[in-house]
Amino acid sequence: MWPLYAAGFTTAFGAHGIAANLGASDPDAVTSLLVLGGLLALYDGAEVLLKPVFGTLADRVGARPVLLGGLVAFAAASALYVAAAHTGWLWAARLGQGAAASAFSPAASALVSRLSPAARQGRAFGGYGFSKSVGYTLGPLLGGLLVRAGGLRLLFGVLAVLGAGVACWAWAAVPAVPPLPKARQTVLDLARRLADPVFLVPTAALAGATAALSVGVGFLPVSGRAAGLGPVATGAAVSVLAACAAVVQPRAGRALDAGRLRTRTGLGAGLLLAAAGLACAMLPGLPGVLLAAALTGTGTGLITPLGFAALAAGTPPERLGQTMGAAELGRELGDAGGPLLVAGVASAATLAYGYAALAVLLALGPVLALAGRHRPHARKAGPA
């Protein structure tokens, strides 16, 4: 299982390590905010388009070859920028990294499920989520140190070595998991399965958690600076968010496996905690920022392993790659949609209203679910 956790760390470290340091790394490569936005969108856009495709491919040919191919491609794309003489190759390298992550990320999720007993799915996904949280936490910090020491190419070089190393580890340690026989699936069958609440509920919760996490990482430093806090304090707040998410995920997974936590209850509680964290971000000063970080991180950490375990439990084993790819697409949409919503509302009003808008949206999910459970059933009409 550890090579799969290392693959999760690789995609998270690569995504945030580069994204957090592009703007301050190479003025010849990143010449304007428009160029910076394009480079950031290139990676995410590749993931949005390709994760469902590679997830389906993993079901067809087996998840292990897709995992290994994606890791090798990630290493090659990273090495491309190291070897290139022109900074224009940064675009090709970033696109290649995003496409490669689109392959090995859903394949790793599918293998985590296939290689774990049904009674330990929560713990397995808790460990996988923990490894990704560590990558998200260390990416900006270690990436910044590497860029300061040797520029952006050193960071890409380290990612090339990391991708190749994890690929070798996975090749040696991850067993072959052959694709399972499956019945023919039409587009209508796929649409019905993806519209089923068994898929929609955990995917929507995962998208909400990712939206809250992305907003916390992107906008809490803005709130901190507006309150007169320095970069150390605002950086510590973001670290608190990531650390809470990392600590909670394995515990949530173990609680699910032990029967101490139900999926529906945990997902609802996680969304409410994330909404409460965004509400606390509206409070002035350091206490509001730290409370927001702690609650948002705890909420997202609670949702992630429960959501993926629920998807694994509700999906036929032969369709796991397709389901994980589609769920990852939902997370990517949350990752982009959350900041867009907050920024849009903030531009029309203030950042506090932006936080409030996303908090209300997150809280609506469990509130509507609770209302639906307690809604009285309509009586059947008696005979005329």
Protein backbone atom coordinates (compact mmCIF):
# COMPACT_ATOMS: atom_id res chain seq x y z
CA MET A 1 0.00 0.00 0.00
CA TRP A 2 2.90 2.36 0.69
CA PRO A 3 3.86 2.88 -2.99
CA LEU A 4 0.25 3.94 -3.65
CA TYR A 5 0.46 6.41 -0.78
CA ALA A 6 3.72 7.68 -2.30
CA ALA A 7 1.92 8.18 -5.63
CA GLY A 8 -0.71 10.28 -3.82
CA PHE A 9 2.06 12.33 -2.21
CA THR A 10 3.71 12.83 -5.62
CA THR A 11 0.65 14.31 -7.31
CA ALA A 12 -0.08 16.61 -4.36
CA PHE A 13 3.52 17.74 -3.91
CA GLY A 14 3.94 18.33 -7.64
CA ALA A 15 0.72 20.30 -7.97
CA HIS A 16 1.17 22.64 -5.01
CA GLY A 17 4.98 22.79 -5.00
CA ILE A 18 5.09 24.29 -8.49
CA ALA A 19 1.86 26.29 -8.31
CA ALA A 20 2.96 28.07 -5.14
CA ASN A 21 6.33 29.07 -6.61
CA LEU A 22 5.67 29.83 -10.28
CA GLY A 23 4.99 33.52 -9.72
CA ALA A 24 8.23 34.18 -7.88
CA SER A 25 10.51 31.77 -9.70
CA ASP A 26 11.50 32.85 -13.21
CA PRO A 27 10.54 36.30 -14.54
CA ASP A 28 11.60 35.23 -18.04
CA ALA A 29 9.12 32.31 -18.02
CA VAL A 30 6.28 33.91 -16.07
CA THR A 31 6.04 37.36 -17.62
CA SER A 32 2.56 38.40 -16.44
CA LEU A 33 -0.39 37.41 -14.28
CA LEU A 34 -2.12 36.17 -17.45
CA VAL A 35 0.77 33.80 -18.15
CA LEU A 36 0.74 32.65 -14.54
CA GLY A 37 -2.99 31.98 -14.70
CA GLY A 38 -2.54 30.05 -17.93
CA LEU A 39 0.18 27.84 -16.46
CA LEU A 40 -1.94 27.10 -13.41
CA ALA A 41 -5.02 26.36 -15.50
CA LEU A 42 -3.07 24.09 -17.87
CA TYR A 43 -2.39 21.51 -15.16
CA ASP A 44 -5.92 21.59 -13.73
CA GLY A 45 -7.50 21.59 -17.18
CA ALA A 46 -5.63 18.44 -18.15
CA GLU A 47 -6.88 16.73 -14.99
CA VAL A 48 -10.49 17.76 -15.55
CA LEU A 49 -10.49 16.42 -19.11
CA LEU A 50 -8.41 13.27 -18.71
CA LYS A 51 -9.09 11.74 -15.28
CA PRO A 52 -12.36 10.05 -16.35
CA VAL A 53 -10.63 8.80 -19.51
CA PHE A 54 -7.70 7.24 -17.65
CA GLY A 55 -10.03 5.88 -14.97
CA THR A 56 -11.97 4.00 -17.64
CA LEU A 57 -8.70 2.81 -19.20
CA ALA A 58 -7.62 1.43 -15.81
CA ASP A 59 -10.76 -0.72 -15.74
CA ARG A 60 -10.04 -1.97 -19.24
CA VAL A 61 -6.33 -2.82 -19.10
CA GLY A 62 -5.72 -2.93 -15.35
CA ALA A 63 -4.92 -0.17 -12.88
CA ARG A 64 -1.26 -1.13 -12.37
CA PRO A 65 -0.11 -0.39 -15.97
CA VAL A 66 -1.92 2.96 -15.90
CA LEU A 67 -0.32 3.79 -12.54
CA LEU A 68 3.18 2.92 -13.77
CA GLY A 69 2.72 4.66 -17.12
CA GLY A 70 1.44 7.81 -15.43
CA LEU A 71 4.36 7.94 -12.98
CA VAL A 72 6.92 7.42 -15.76
CA ALA A 73 5.22 10.12 -17.86
CA PHE A 74 5.24 12.49 -14.86
CA ALA A 75 8.98 11.94 -14.43
CA ALA A 76 9.58 12.45 -18.17
CA ALA A 77 7.50 15.65 -18.29
CA SER A 78 9.40 17.04 -15.30
CA ALA A 79 12.75 16.12 -16.86
CA LEU A 80 11.71 17.85 -20.09
CA TYR A 81 11.85 21.27 -18.47
CA VAL A 82 15.16 20.45 -16.76
CA ALA A 83 16.76 19.51 -20.08
CA ALA A 84 15.15 22.19 -22.27
CA ALA A 85 17.17 25.23 -23.14
CA HIS A 86 14.15 27.51 -23.61
CA THR A 87 11.69 28.51 -20.91
CA GLY A 88 8.82 28.08 -23.38
CA TRP A 89 9.07 24.34 -22.65
CA LEU A 90 7.61 25.10 -19.25
CA TRP A 91 4.16 24.99 -20.87
CA ALA A 92 4.77 21.55 -22.35
CA ALA A 93 6.19 20.25 -19.07
CA ARG A 94 3.26 21.54 -17.05
CA LEU A 95 0.74 20.06 -19.49
CA GLY A 96 2.59 16.75 -19.41
CA GLN A 97 2.58 16.70 -15.62
CA GLY A 98 -1.16 17.34 -15.50
CA ALA A 99 -1.89 14.62 -18.06
CA ALA A 100 0.34 12.15 -16.23
CA ALA A 101 -1.26 12.91 -12.85
CA SER A 102 -4.63 12.33 -14.53
CA ALA A 103 -3.48 8.77 -15.19
CA PHE A 104 -1.82 7.66 -11.98
CA SER A 105 -4.13 9.45 -9.51
CA PRO A 106 -7.40 7.55 -10.26
CA ALA A 107 -5.41 4.36 -10.87
CA ALA A 108 -3.88 4.66 -7.41
CA SER A 109 -7.31 5.23 -5.84
CA ALA A 110 -8.69 2.15 -7.61
CA LEU A 111 -5.75 0.04 -6.44
CA VAL A 112 -6.15 1.25 -2.85
CA SER A 113 -9.67 -0.16 -2.96
CA ARG A 114 -8.85 -3.37 -4.86
CA LEU A 115 -5.92 -4.25 -2.59
CA SER A 116 -7.73 -3.51 0.71
CA PRO A 117 -10.22 -5.80 2.45
CA ALA A 118 -13.77 -4.48 2.59
CA ALA A 119 -13.51 -4.08 6.35
CA ARG A 120 -10.46 -1.80 6.02
CA GLN A 121 -11.48 0.50 3.18
CA GLY A 122 -11.85 3.51 5.47
CA ARG A 123 -8.40 3.04 6.98
CA ALA A 124 -6.84 2.53 3.54
CA PHE A 125 -8.35 5.70 2.11
CA GLY A 126 -7.54 7.56 5.31
CA GLY A 127 -3.86 6.72 4.80
CA TYR A 128 -4.06 7.69 1.14
CA GLY A 129 -5.67 11.01 1.99
CA PHE A 130 -3.07 11.59 4.72
CA SER A 131 -0.23 11.14 2.21
CA LYS A 132 -1.82 13.65 -0.16
CA SER A 133 -2.33 16.13 2.68
CA VAL A 134 1.35 15.84 3.57
CA GLY A 135 2.18 16.58 -0.07
CA TYR A 136 -0.10 19.61 -0.09
CA THR A 137 1.50 20.82 3.15
CA LEU A 138 5.14 20.32 2.19
CA GLY A 139 4.81 21.31 -1.48
CA PRO A 140 4.84 25.10 -1.07
CA LEU A 141 7.48 25.02 1.69
CA LEU A 142 9.97 22.55 0.21
CA GLY A 143 9.25 23.82 -3.28
CA GLY A 144 10.13 27.33 -2.17
CA LEU A 145 13.40 26.14 -0.63
CA LEU A 146 14.33 24.26 -3.80
CA VAL A 147 13.51 27.24 -6.02
CA ARG A 148 15.55 29.52 -3.80
CA ALA A 149 18.50 27.10 -3.94
CA GLY A 150 18.51 26.31 -7.65
CA GLY A 151 15.58 27.88 -9.44
CA LEU A 152 12.51 26.30 -10.94
CA ARG A 153 14.56 23.70 -12.80
CA LEU A 154 15.85 22.24 -9.56
CA LEU A 155 12.27 21.76 -8.39
CA PHE A 156 11.37 20.05 -11.67
CA GLY A 157 14.49 17.89 -11.34
CA VAL A 158 13.48 16.75 -7.88
CA LEU A 159 9.99 15.93 -9.19
CA ALA A 160 11.52 13.91 -12.04
CA VAL A 161 13.55 11.87 -9.55
CA LEU A 162 10.53 11.51 -7.25
CA GLY A 163 8.26 10.30 -10.06
CA ALA A 164 10.85 7.82 -11.34
CA GLY A 165 11.58 6.55 -7.83
CA VAL A 166 7.92 5.98 -6.99
CA ALA A 167 7.43 4.27 -10.37
CA CYS A 168 10.27 1.83 -9.60
CA TRP A 169 8.89 1.22 -6.11
CA ALA A 170 5.40 0.57 -7.46
CA TRP A 171 6.77 -1.73 -10.19
CA ALA A 172 8.57 -3.81 -7.55
CA ALA A 173 5.96 -3.80 -4.79
CA VAL A 174 2.46 -3.33 -6.23
CA PRO A 175 1.01 -6.68 -7.35
CA ALA A 176 -0.65 -7.13 -10.71
CA VAL A 177 -4.41 -6.70 -10.41
CA PRO A 178 -5.99 -7.99 -13.61
CA PRO A 179 -9.07 -6.23 -14.96
CA LEU A 180 -12.31 -7.93 -14.01
CA PRO A 181 -14.79 -9.14 -16.60
CA LYS A 182 -17.59 -6.69 -17.07
CA ALA A 183 -20.92 -6.52 -18.83
CA ARG A 184 -21.25 -4.18 -21.78
CA GLN A 185 -22.09 -0.66 -20.64
CA THR A 186 -23.97 1.86 -22.77
CA VAL A 187 -23.80 5.62 -22.37
CA LEU A 188 -27.25 5.48 -20.80
CA ASP A 189 -26.07 2.88 -18.26
CA LEU A 190 -23.13 5.12 -17.35
CA ALA A 191 -25.41 8.16 -16.98
CA ARG A 192 -27.75 6.21 -14.70
CA ARG A 193 -24.88 5.04 -12.51
CA LEU A 194 -23.35 8.50 -12.21
CA ALA A 195 -26.78 9.99 -11.42
CA ASP A 196 -27.37 7.48 -8.64
CA PRO A 197 -27.20 8.98 -5.11
CA VAL A 198 -24.69 6.23 -4.26
CA PHE A 199 -22.27 8.12 -6.53
CA LEU A 200 -23.62 11.67 -6.36
CA VAL A 201 -23.75 12.09 -2.57
CA PRO A 202 -20.10 11.23 -1.74
CA THR A 203 -18.85 12.95 -4.90
CA ALA A 204 -20.74 16.15 -4.06
CA ALA A 205 -19.33 16.01 -0.52
CA LEU A 206 -15.79 15.52 -1.89
CA ALA A 207 -16.28 18.46 -4.27
CA GLY A 208 -17.50 20.62 -1.38
CA ALA A 209 -14.55 19.62 0.77
CA THR A 210 -12.09 20.43 -2.02
CA ALA A 211 -13.80 23.78 -2.62
CA ALA A 212 -13.46 24.69 1.06
CA LEU A 213 -9.84 23.54 1.16
CA SER A 214 -8.93 25.51 -1.96
CA VAL A 215 -10.63 28.64 -0.64
CA GLY A 216 -8.87 28.25 2.71
CA VAL A 217 -5.45 27.90 1.13
CA GLY A 218 -6.02 30.74 -1.32
CA PHE A 219 -7.99 33.31 0.65
CA LEU A 220 -7.10 32.92 4.33
CA PRO A 221 -3.72 34.58 3.70
CA VAL A 222 -5.61 37.48 2.11
CA SER A 223 -7.76 37.81 5.23
CA GLY A 224 -4.67 37.62 7.40
CA ARG A 225 -2.91 40.38 5.50
CA ALA A 226 -6.05 42.54 5.68
CA ALA A 227 -5.99 42.09 9.47
CA GLY A 228 -2.38 43.27 9.62
CA LEU A 229 -0.82 39.83 10.06
CA GLY A 230 2.59 39.07 8.62
CA PRO A 231 3.48 36.27 6.19
CA VAL A 232 4.66 33.99 9.01
CA ALA A 233 1.28 34.14 10.77
CA THR A 234 -0.72 33.66 7.58
CA GLY A 235 1.56 30.81 6.48
CA ALA A 236 1.07 29.17 9.87
CA ALA A 237 -2.69 29.39 9.41
CA VAL A 238 -2.53 27.53 6.10
CA SER A 239 -0.26 24.95 7.73
CA VAL A 240 -2.84 24.47 10.50
CA LEU A 241 -5.50 23.79 7.87
CA ALA A 242 -3.40 21.16 6.09
CA ALA A 243 -2.19 19.62 9.35
CA CYS A 244 -5.73 19.22 10.71
CA ALA A 245 -6.82 17.55 7.46
CA ALA A 246 -3.82 15.21 7.59
CA VAL A 247 -4.36 14.22 11.23
CA VAL A 248 -8.12 13.66 10.94
CA GLN A 249 -8.18 11.48 7.82
CA PRO A 250 -6.63 8.26 9.21
CA ARG A 251 -8.72 8.55 12.38
CA ALA A 252 -11.90 9.04 10.40
CA GLY A 253 -11.08 5.99 8.28
CA ARG A 254 -10.46 3.82 11.35
CA ALA A 255 -13.68 5.02 12.97
CA LEU A 256 -15.61 4.10 9.82
CA ASP A 257 -14.12 0.60 9.70
CA ALA A 258 -14.84 0.06 13.39
CA GLY A 259 -18.49 1.08 13.00
CA ARG A 260 -18.11 4.11 15.28
CA LEU A 261 -18.91 6.48 12.43
CA ARG A 262 -21.51 6.19 9.68
CA THR A 263 -20.81 7.52 6.22
CA ARG A 264 -23.85 9.78 5.95
CA THR A 265 -23.29 11.20 9.44
CA GLY A 266 -19.59 11.81 8.81
CA LEU A 267 -20.12 13.48 5.45
CA GLY A 268 -22.80 15.77 6.87
CA ALA A 269 -20.68 16.65 9.90
CA GLY A 270 -17.68 17.34 7.69
CA LEU A 271 -19.63 19.74 5.47
CA LEU A 272 -21.03 21.56 8.51
CA LEU A 273 -17.56 21.85 10.05
CA ALA A 274 -16.16 23.25 6.80
CA ALA A 275 -19.06 25.70 6.60
CA ALA A 276 -18.42 26.76 10.21
CA GLY A 277 -14.77 27.29 9.34
CA LEU A 278 -15.67 29.59 6.47
CA ALA A 279 -18.04 31.47 8.77
CA CYS A 280 -15.18 31.93 11.27
CA ALA A 281 -13.06 33.39 8.46
CA MET A 282 -15.41 36.37 8.60
CA LEU A 283 -14.19 37.15 12.15
CA PRO A 284 -11.43 39.77 12.44
CA GLY A 285 -7.83 39.10 13.38
CA LEU A 286 -5.71 36.02 14.03
CA PRO A 287 -8.34 34.11 16.09
CA GLY A 288 -10.76 34.12 13.17
CA VAL A 289 -8.11 32.96 10.70
CA LEU A 290 -6.88 30.15 12.97
CA LEU A 291 -10.39 28.97 13.82
CA ALA A 292 -11.28 28.99 10.15
CA ALA A 293 -8.18 26.95 9.30
CA ALA A 294 -8.73 24.38 12.06
CA LEU A 295 -12.44 23.83 11.37
CA THR A 296 -12.07 23.77 7.59
CA GLY A 297 -9.16 21.35 7.78
CA THR A 298 -11.03 19.08 10.20
CA GLY A 299 -14.15 19.08 8.02
CA THR A 300 -12.28 18.27 4.82
CA GLY A 301 -10.23 15.62 6.60
CA LEU A 302 -13.42 13.97 7.79
CA ILE A 303 -15.06 13.94 4.36
CA THR A 304 -12.21 12.66 2.20
CA PRO A 305 -11.72 9.06 3.43
CA LEU A 306 -15.45 8.56 4.02
CA GLY A 307 -16.33 9.80 0.55
CA PHE A 308 -13.83 7.57 -1.24
CA ALA A 309 -14.70 4.55 0.92
CA ALA A 310 -18.39 5.07 0.11
CA LEU A 311 -17.62 5.25 -3.61
CA ALA A 312 -15.57 2.05 -3.41
CA ALA A 313 -18.31 0.24 -1.48
CA GLY A 314 -21.05 1.32 -3.89
CA THR A 315 -19.19 0.57 -7.14
CA PRO A 316 -18.84 -2.79 -8.93
CA PRO A 317 -15.14 -3.75 -8.67
CA GLU A 318 -14.82 -3.88 -12.45
CA ARG A 319 -15.85 -0.19 -12.70
CA LEU A 320 -13.68 1.22 -9.89
CA GLY A 321 -11.31 3.12 -12.17
CA GLN A 322 -14.15 4.81 -14.01
CA THR A 323 -15.85 5.77 -10.76
CA MET A 324 -12.67 7.12 -9.18
CA GLY A 325 -11.87 9.10 -12.32
CA ALA A 326 -15.35 10.63 -12.36
CA ALA A 327 -15.14 11.41 -8.63
CA GLU A 328 -11.74 13.06 -9.14
CA LEU A 329 -13.37 15.17 -11.84
CA GLY A 330 -15.93 16.29 -9.25
CA ARG A 331 -13.13 17.24 -6.89
CA GLU A 332 -11.36 19.24 -9.59
CA LEU A 333 -14.58 21.13 -10.30
CA GLY A 334 -14.87 21.93 -6.60
CA ASP A 335 -11.24 22.98 -6.54
CA ALA A 336 -11.93 25.51 -9.30
CA GLY A 337 -15.53 26.42 -8.45
CA GLY A 338 -15.00 27.28 -4.78
CA PRO A 339 -12.42 30.03 -5.38
CA LEU A 340 -14.38 31.33 -8.37
CA LEU A 341 -17.55 31.64 -6.28
CA VAL A 342 -15.80 33.38 -3.40
CA ALA A 343 -13.88 35.69 -5.72
CA GLY A 344 -17.00 36.57 -7.69
CA VAL A 345 -19.03 37.45 -4.61
CA ALA A 346 -16.07 39.28 -3.05
CA SER A 347 -15.62 41.43 -6.16
CA ALA A 348 -19.27 42.50 -5.93
CA ALA A 349 -19.30 42.95 -2.14
CA THR A 350 -16.51 41.96 0.28
CA LEU A 351 -14.48 38.83 0.99
CA ALA A 352 -16.60 38.16 4.08
CA TYR A 353 -19.67 37.81 1.86
CA GLY A 354 -17.70 35.44 -0.37
CA TYR A 355 -16.94 33.21 2.60
CA ALA A 356 -20.58 33.39 3.64
CA ALA A 357 -21.81 32.35 0.19
CA LEU A 358 -19.71 29.18 0.12
CA ALA A 359 -20.52 28.42 3.78
CA VAL A 360 -24.24 28.54 3.04
CA LEU A 361 -23.78 26.34 -0.02
CA LEU A 362 -21.86 23.72 1.97
CA ALA A 363 -24.35 23.75 4.85
CA LEU A 364 -27.30 23.28 2.51
CA GLY A 365 -26.28 19.70 1.69
CA PRO A 366 -26.69 18.12 5.15
CA VAL A 367 -29.64 20.39 5.98
CA LEU A 368 -31.56 19.26 2.89
CA ALA A 369 -30.62 15.64 3.53
CA LEU A 370 -31.90 15.87 7.10
CA ALA A 371 -35.11 17.54 5.95
CA GLY A 372 -35.64 14.80 3.37
CA ARG A 373 -35.23 12.06 5.98
CA HIS A 374 -37.83 13.61 8.29
CA ARG A 375 -40.31 14.61 5.61
CA PRO A 376 -43.60 12.75 6.18
CA HIS A 377 -44.57 10.41 3.38
CA ALA A 378 -47.70 11.31 1.50
CA ARG A 379 -50.65 9.04 2.26
CA LYS A 380 -51.93 6.88 -0.49
CA ALA A 381 -55.40 7.80 -1.66
CA GLY A 382 -58.07 5.40 -0.51
CA PRO A 383 -60.59 3.75 -2.81
CA ALA A 384 -63.16 6.03 -4.34
